[in-house]
Amino acid sequence: MIKHGILGLCAVTCFSWSMVAQAAEPEKHQEFKRTGENTVEAKETVEVEAEVVSVNKKTREIKLKSSDGEVTSMIAGDEVKNFAQIKKGDRLKVRYFESLMLELKKGGAAPVAVTETSDISRASMGQKPGGMASAKVTARGTVMSLDAKTQSVTVKGPQRSVVLHVAKKDIFDKIKKGDQIEATYSEALAISVESVKK
C-alpha cells in the first residue's frame, strides 16, 4: 500500500524525493501498474465510517466509535465552522484517495523543480459539518547515472539526489542519462457528518 498521511483538512505542504525513492522500490509497492508507454502509477482509496458517541461542547472533543467497536477521540479545531451541528448518534464518513505517478520524460530539458497546488472547501453555515481537501505535488529530477546490474537510476532532484530501483527491464532500458523523471503525488480527503434517521 502507498504510505498513508491523512490530511486532516490541511493541504500537503511538503514533498521529498526520498518518498519517490521509497515508492519506486518494487518489493514494497507491488501495486504499481503501467498506465502509459512511459508512466507507472500506484493508487488506493480508503473509506471509513464511525459513529459519534459523545460531544463535549466546551472542549470541542468528539468521541467516535468505528465499525469494529474501537473508540477514539479527536478535537474539532476552529476551522470546523459547524461544530454545534454535531450530535451523538451522527455518523462521520471519511473517504481518502492517494496516488503516486512516475513519468519518464525523454531528453527532458525542463528545470528541476517542485510545484504544489491545494484546495479546501467546507460546508456552508448551518449545514452539517463536512468538507473536502485536496493537494497535488509534482517533483522533477534529472537522470545522472544508471547501473545495469542493479537496474537502478540515480536522479538529481530539486533538493538532493536519490536512487530509484526499476523492476521492469523493458522500462529500465528506455532510460538514458539526461532524461528526466517526474513524480506527481496526489491526495484528497472528503468528510461528511450525517444524522441518523429515527
C-alpha atoms as a PDB file:
ATOM      1  CA  MET A   1       0.000   0.000   0.000  1.00  0.00           C
ATOM      2  CA  ILE A   2       1.028   3.598  -0.518  1.00  0.00           C
ATOM      3  CA  LYS A   3       2.258   5.317   2.615  1.00  0.00           C
ATOM      4  CA  HIS A   4      -0.710   6.958   4.352  1.00  0.00           C
ATOM      5  CA  GLY A   5      -0.814  10.564   5.535  1.00  0.00           C
ATOM      6  CA  ILE A   6      -4.294  11.803   6.493  1.00  0.00           C
ATOM      7  CA  LEU A   7      -4.756  15.417   5.520  1.00  0.00           C
ATOM      8  CA  GLY A   8      -6.986  16.400   8.440  1.00  0.00           C
ATOM      9  CA  LEU A   9      -8.429  19.015   6.079  1.00  0.00           C
ATOM     10  CA  CYS A  10      -4.977  20.561   5.713  1.00  0.00           C
ATOM     11  CA  ALA A  11      -3.246  20.613   2.343  1.00  0.00           C
ATOM     12  CA  VAL A  12       0.049  18.838   1.868  1.00  0.00           C
ATOM     13  CA  THR A  13       2.839  21.401   2.123  1.00  0.00           C
ATOM     14  CA  CYS A  14       5.986  19.384   1.532  1.00  0.00           C
ATOM     15  CA  PHE A  15       7.335  16.635  -0.682  1.00  0.00           C
ATOM     16  CA  SER A  16      10.687  14.886  -0.655  1.00  0.00           C
ATOM     17  CA  TRP A  17      12.450  12.780  -3.231  1.00  0.00           C
ATOM     18  CA  SER A  18      13.006  10.149  -0.529  1.00  0.00           C
ATOM     19  CA  MET A  19       9.293   9.349  -0.790  1.00  0.00           C
ATOM     20  CA  VAL A  20       9.653   8.876  -4.535  1.00  0.00           C
ATOM     21  CA  ALA A  21      12.560   6.528  -3.942  1.00  0.00           C
ATOM     22  CA  GLN A  22      10.588   4.512  -1.404  1.00  0.00           C
ATOM     23  CA  ALA A  23       7.563   4.310  -3.680  1.00  0.00           C
ATOM     24  CA  ALA A  24       9.685   3.067  -6.559  1.00  0.00           C
ATOM     25  CA  GLU A  25      11.025   0.053  -4.661  1.00  0.00           C
ATOM     26  CA  PRO A  26       9.156  -2.902  -6.235  1.00  0.00           C
ATOM     27  CA  GLU A  27       9.427  -5.107  -3.143  1.00  0.00           C
ATOM     28  CA  LYS A  28       7.436  -2.539  -1.184  1.00  0.00           C
ATOM     29  CA  HIS A  29       4.969  -1.462  -3.863  1.00  0.00           C
ATOM     30  CA  GLN A  30       3.788  -4.344  -5.975  1.00  0.00           C
ATOM     31  CA  GLU A  31       0.649  -2.385  -6.883  1.00  0.00           C
ATOM     32  CA  PHE A  32       2.486  -0.048  -9.286  1.00  0.00           C
ATOM     33  CA  LYS A  33       0.894  -0.511 -12.702  1.00  0.00           C
ATOM     34  CA  ARG A  34       1.906   0.684 -16.112  1.00  0.00           C
ATOM     35  CA  THR A  35      -0.534   3.378 -17.243  1.00  0.00           C
ATOM     36  CA  GLY A  36       1.205   4.517 -20.404  1.00  0.00           C
ATOM     37  CA  GLU A  37       4.297   3.968 -22.529  1.00  0.00           C
ATOM     38  CA  ASN A  38       6.474   5.905 -20.071  1.00  0.00           C
ATOM     39  CA  THR A  39       4.326   6.046 -16.905  1.00  0.00           C
ATOM     40  CA  VAL A  40       3.616   3.864 -13.876  1.00  0.00           C
ATOM     41  CA  GLU A  41       1.115   4.646 -11.120  1.00  0.00           C
ATOM     42  CA  ALA A  42       0.053   3.349  -7.728  1.00  0.00           C
ATOM     43  CA  LYS A  43      -3.185   4.449  -6.089  1.00  0.00           C
ATOM     44  CA  GLU A  44      -5.644   3.483  -3.412  1.00  0.00           C
ATOM     45  CA  THR A  45      -8.919   4.629  -1.907  1.00  0.00           C
ATOM     46  CA  VAL A  46      -9.909   4.096   1.735  1.00  0.00           C
ATOM     47  CA  GLU A  47     -13.393   4.601   3.159  1.00  0.00           C
ATOM     48  CA  VAL A  48     -14.046   4.779   6.906  1.00  0.00           C
ATOM     49  CA  GLU A  49     -17.314   5.259   8.794  1.00  0.00           C
ATOM     50  CA  ALA A  50     -17.682   5.963  12.534  1.00  0.00           C
ATOM     51  CA  GLU A  51     -20.488   6.853  14.954  1.00  0.00           C
ATOM     52  CA  VAL A  52     -20.372   9.923  17.200  1.00  0.00           C
ATOM     53  CA  VAL A  53     -20.760   8.570  20.757  1.00  0.00           C
ATOM     54  CA  SER A  54     -20.256  11.859  22.637  1.00  0.00           C
ATOM     55  CA  VAL A  55     -19.634  15.564  22.031  1.00  0.00           C
ATOM     56  CA  ASN A  56     -18.097  17.955  24.578  1.00  0.00           C
ATOM     57  CA  LYS A  57     -19.201  21.459  23.582  1.00  0.00           C
ATOM     58  CA  LYS A  58     -16.710  23.184  25.913  1.00  0.00           C
ATOM     59  CA  THR A  59     -13.551  21.319  24.917  1.00  0.00           C
ATOM     60  CA  ARG A  60     -14.777  20.537  21.366  1.00  0.00           C
ATOM     61  CA  GLU A  61     -13.832  16.897  21.899  1.00  0.00           C
ATOM     62  CA  ILE A  62     -15.677  14.311  19.820  1.00  0.00           C
ATOM     63  CA  LYS A  63     -15.565  10.586  20.603  1.00  0.00           C
ATOM     64  CA  LEU A  64     -16.047   8.278  17.645  1.00  0.00           C
ATOM     65  CA  LYS A  65     -16.731   4.538  17.505  1.00  0.00           C
ATOM     66  CA  SER A  66     -15.618   2.639  14.431  1.00  0.00           C
ATOM     67  CA  SER A  67     -17.416  -0.348  12.920  1.00  0.00           C
ATOM     68  CA  ASP A  68     -15.130  -2.701  14.864  1.00  0.00           C
ATOM     69  CA  GLY A  69     -16.115  -1.052  18.165  1.00  0.00           C
ATOM     70  CA  GLU A  70     -12.909   0.909  18.760  1.00  0.00           C
ATOM     71  CA  VAL A  71     -13.491   4.333  20.360  1.00  0.00           C
ATOM     72  CA  THR A  72     -11.161   7.228  19.580  1.00  0.00           C
ATOM     73  CA  SER A  73     -11.191  10.917  20.439  1.00  0.00           C
ATOM     74  CA  MET A  74     -10.492  13.961  18.323  1.00  0.00           C
ATOM     75  CA  ILE A  75     -10.598  17.708  18.879  1.00  0.00           C
ATOM     76  CA  ALA A  76     -12.564  19.742  16.344  1.00  0.00           C
ATOM     77  CA  GLY A  77     -10.481  22.840  15.669  1.00  0.00           C
ATOM     78  CA  ASP A  78     -11.856  26.296  14.971  1.00  0.00           C
ATOM     79  CA  GLU A  79     -11.789  25.527  11.252  1.00  0.00           C
ATOM     80  CA  VAL A  80     -14.812  23.236  11.802  1.00  0.00           C
ATOM     81  CA  LYS A  81     -17.359  26.028  11.384  1.00  0.00           C
ATOM     82  CA  ASN A  82     -20.494  23.962  12.059  1.00  0.00           C
ATOM     83  CA  PHE A  83     -19.315  22.170  15.203  1.00  0.00           C
ATOM     84  CA  ALA A  84     -22.612  22.953  17.004  1.00  0.00           C
ATOM     85  CA  GLN A  85     -24.465  20.810  14.453  1.00  0.00           C
ATOM     86  CA  ILE A  86     -22.676  17.592  15.505  1.00  0.00           C
ATOM     87  CA  LYS A  87     -24.818  15.373  17.755  1.00  0.00           C
ATOM     88  CA  LYS A  88     -24.473  11.999  19.443  1.00  0.00           C
ATOM     89  CA  GLY A  89     -25.555   9.285  17.025  1.00  0.00           C
ATOM     90  CA  ASP A  90     -24.384  11.128  13.908  1.00  0.00           C
ATOM     91  CA  ARG A  91     -22.205   9.176  11.524  1.00  0.00           C
ATOM     92  CA  LEU A  92     -18.909  10.517  10.270  1.00  0.00           C
ATOM     93  CA  LYS A  93     -17.910   9.339   6.788  1.00  0.00           C
ATOM     94  CA  VAL A  94     -14.360   9.726   5.522  1.00  0.00           C
ATOM     95  CA  ARG A  95     -13.144   8.930   2.013  1.00  0.00           C
ATOM     96  CA  TYR A  96      -9.403   9.169   1.372  1.00  0.00           C
ATOM     97  CA  PHE A  97      -7.669   8.904  -2.010  1.00  0.00           C
ATOM     98  CA  GLU A  98      -3.937   8.784  -2.674  1.00  0.00           C
ATOM     99  CA  SER A  99      -1.864   8.246  -5.811  1.00  0.00           C
ATOM    100  CA  LEU A 100       1.732   8.443  -6.983  1.00  0.00           C
ATOM    101  CA  MET A 101       2.627   8.566 -10.679  1.00  0.00           C
ATOM    102  CA  LEU A 102       6.152   8.366 -12.107  1.00  0.00           C
ATOM    103  CA  GLU A 103       6.706   9.525 -15.678  1.00  0.00           C
ATOM    104  CA  LEU A 104       9.841   9.287 -17.807  1.00  0.00           C
ATOM    105  CA  LYS A 105      10.472  12.432 -19.850  1.00  0.00           C
ATOM    106  CA  LYS A 106      12.833  11.530 -22.698  1.00  0.00           C
ATOM    107  CA  GLY A 107      15.591  14.103 -23.275  1.00  0.00           C
ATOM    108  CA  GLY A 108      13.824  16.429 -20.863  1.00  0.00           C
ATOM    109  CA  ALA A 109      15.168  19.960 -20.614  1.00  0.00           C
ATOM    110  CA  ALA A 110      12.647  21.382 -18.155  1.00  0.00           C
ATOM    111  CA  PRO A 111      14.021  22.921 -14.939  1.00  0.00           C
ATOM    112  CA  VAL A 112      14.403  20.655 -11.903  1.00  0.00           C
ATOM    113  CA  ALA A 113      11.653  21.879  -9.600  1.00  0.00           C
ATOM    114  CA  VAL A 114       8.783  21.186  -7.203  1.00  0.00           C
ATOM    115  CA  THR A 115       5.292  22.620  -7.715  1.00  0.00           C
ATOM    116  CA  GLU A 116       2.353  22.398  -5.311  1.00  0.00           C
ATOM    117  CA  THR A 117      -1.382  23.037  -5.588  1.00  0.00           C
ATOM    118  CA  SER A 118      -4.100  22.612  -2.961  1.00  0.00           C
ATOM    119  CA  ASP A 119      -7.770  23.321  -2.389  1.00  0.00           C
ATOM    120  CA  ILE A 120     -10.059  23.229   0.659  1.00  0.00           C
ATOM    121  CA  SER A 121     -13.855  23.505   0.675  1.00  0.00           C
ATOM    122  CA  ARG A 122     -16.185  23.437   3.687  1.00  0.00           C
ATOM    123  CA  ALA A 123     -19.904  23.024   4.270  1.00  0.00           C
ATOM    124  CA  SER A 124     -21.986  26.204   4.309  1.00  0.00           C
ATOM    125  CA  MET A 125     -23.026  27.742   7.626  1.00  0.00           C
ATOM    126  CA  GLY A 126     -25.981  25.901   9.157  1.00  0.00           C
ATOM    127  CA  GLN A 127     -25.319  22.653   7.359  1.00  0.00           C
ATOM    128  CA  LYS A 128     -23.842  19.519   8.873  1.00  0.00           C
ATOM    129  CA  PRO A 129     -20.037  19.749   9.128  1.00  0.00           C
ATOM    130  CA  GLY A 130     -18.184  18.441   6.129  1.00  0.00           C
ATOM    131  CA  GLY A 131     -15.653  19.361   3.560  1.00  0.00           C
ATOM    132  CA  MET A 132     -13.034  18.251   1.128  1.00  0.00           C
ATOM    133  CA  ALA A 133      -9.320  18.902   0.889  1.00  0.00           C
ATOM    134  CA  SER A 134      -7.066  18.013  -1.999  1.00  0.00           C
ATOM    135  CA  ALA A 135      -3.407  18.516  -2.779  1.00  0.00           C
ATOM    136  CA  LYS A 136      -1.047  17.724  -5.628  1.00  0.00           C
ATOM    137  CA  VAL A 137       2.731  17.967  -5.607  1.00  0.00           C
ATOM    138  CA  THR A 138       4.908  17.461  -8.677  1.00  0.00           C
ATOM    139  CA  ALA A 139       8.683  16.990  -8.450  1.00  0.00           C
ATOM    140  CA  ARG A 140      11.003  16.715 -11.455  1.00  0.00           C
ATOM    141  CA  GLY A 141      14.591  15.451 -11.480  1.00  0.00           C
ATOM    142  CA  THR A 142      17.309  14.631 -13.999  1.00  0.00           C
ATOM    143  CA  VAL A 143      18.849  11.180 -14.561  1.00  0.00           C
ATOM    144  CA  MET A 144      22.542  11.435 -13.687  1.00  0.00           C
ATOM    145  CA  SER A 145      23.644   7.788 -13.955  1.00  0.00           C
ATOM    146  CA  LEU A 146      22.389   4.221 -14.425  1.00  0.00           C
ATOM    147  CA  ASP A 147      23.532   0.855 -13.036  1.00  0.00           C
ATOM    148  CA  ALA A 148      22.535  -2.025 -15.320  1.00  0.00           C
ATOM    149  CA  LYS A 149      23.465  -4.725 -12.781  1.00  0.00           C
ATOM    150  CA  THR A 150      21.053  -3.466 -10.125  1.00  0.00           C
ATOM    151  CA  GLN A 151      18.659  -1.749 -12.572  1.00  0.00           C
ATOM    152  CA  SER A 152      18.941   1.419 -10.515  1.00  0.00           C
ATOM    153  CA  VAL A 153      18.802   5.032 -11.646  1.00  0.00           C
ATOM    154  CA  THR A 154      20.353   7.997  -9.831  1.00  0.00           C
ATOM    155  CA  VAL A 155      18.124  11.055 -10.140  1.00  0.00           C
ATOM    156  CA  LYS A 156      19.141  14.568  -9.103  1.00  0.00           C
ATOM    157  CA  GLY A 157      16.055  16.202  -7.624  1.00  0.00           C
ATOM    158  CA  PRO A 158      15.260  19.757  -6.536  1.00  0.00           C
ATOM    159  CA  GLN A 159      16.948  19.312  -3.145  1.00  0.00           C
ATOM    160  CA  ARG A 160      19.061  16.154  -3.387  1.00  0.00           C
ATOM    161  CA  SER A 161      19.727  13.017  -5.365  1.00  0.00           C
ATOM    162  CA  VAL A 162      18.029   9.640  -4.871  1.00  0.00           C
ATOM    163  CA  VAL A 163      18.396   6.168  -6.320  1.00  0.00           C
ATOM    164  CA  LEU A 164      15.316   4.630  -7.919  1.00  0.00           C
ATOM    165  CA  HIS A 165      15.124   0.867  -8.470  1.00  0.00           C
ATOM    166  CA  VAL A 166      13.309  -0.021 -11.699  1.00  0.00           C
ATOM    167  CA  ALA A 167      11.753  -3.501 -11.506  1.00  0.00           C
ATOM    168  CA  LYS A 168      10.916  -3.991 -15.186  1.00  0.00           C
ATOM    169  CA  LYS A 169      13.898  -4.315 -17.529  1.00  0.00           C
ATOM    170  CA  ASP A 170      11.988  -3.020 -20.560  1.00  0.00           C
ATOM    171  CA  ILE A 171      11.304   0.228 -18.696  1.00  0.00           C
ATOM    172  CA  PHE A 172      14.886   0.463 -17.382  1.00  0.00           C
ATOM    173  CA  ASP A 173      16.276   0.001 -20.907  1.00  0.00           C
ATOM    174  CA  LYS A 174      14.371   3.099 -22.076  1.00  0.00           C
ATOM    175  CA  ILE A 175      16.020   5.396 -19.526  1.00  0.00           C
ATOM    176  CA  LYS A 176      19.097   7.326 -20.590  1.00  0.00           C
ATOM    177  CA  LYS A 177      21.394   9.795 -18.844  1.00  0.00           C
ATOM    178  CA  GLY A 178      19.944  13.286 -19.211  1.00  0.00           C
ATOM    179  CA  ASP A 179      16.323  12.084 -19.270  1.00  0.00           C
ATOM    180  CA  GLN A 180      14.019  13.406 -16.585  1.00  0.00           C
ATOM    181  CA  ILE A 181      11.694  11.622 -14.184  1.00  0.00           C
ATOM    182  CA  GLU A 182       8.617  13.460 -12.973  1.00  0.00           C
ATOM    183  CA  ALA A 183       6.758  12.304  -9.854  1.00  0.00           C
ATOM    184  CA  THR A 184       3.212  13.506  -9.171  1.00  0.00           C
ATOM    185  CA  TYR A 185       1.734  12.808  -5.735  1.00  0.00           C
ATOM    186  CA  SER A 186      -1.977  13.490  -5.195  1.00  0.00           C
ATOM    187  CA  GLU A 187      -4.255  13.029  -2.221  1.00  0.00           C
ATOM    188  CA  ALA A 188      -7.803  14.024  -1.363  1.00  0.00           C
ATOM    189  CA  LEU A 189      -9.896  13.715   1.772  1.00  0.00           C
ATOM    190  CA  ALA A 190     -13.683  14.114   1.904  1.00  0.00           C
ATOM    191  CA  ILE A 191     -15.520  14.232   5.248  1.00  0.00           C
ATOM    192  CA  SER A 192     -19.256  14.354   5.908  1.00  0.00           C
ATOM    193  CA  VAL A 193     -21.407  14.089   9.034  1.00  0.00           C
ATOM    194  CA  GLU A 194     -24.878  12.593   8.645  1.00  0.00           C
ATOM    195  CA  SER A 195     -27.715  12.417  11.170  1.00  0.00           C
ATOM    196  CA  VAL A 196     -29.217   9.028  11.867  1.00  0.00           C
ATOM    197  CA  LYS A 197     -32.847   8.844  10.732  1.00  0.00           C
ATOM    198  CA  LYS A 198     -35.213   7.736  13.512  1.00  0.00           C
END
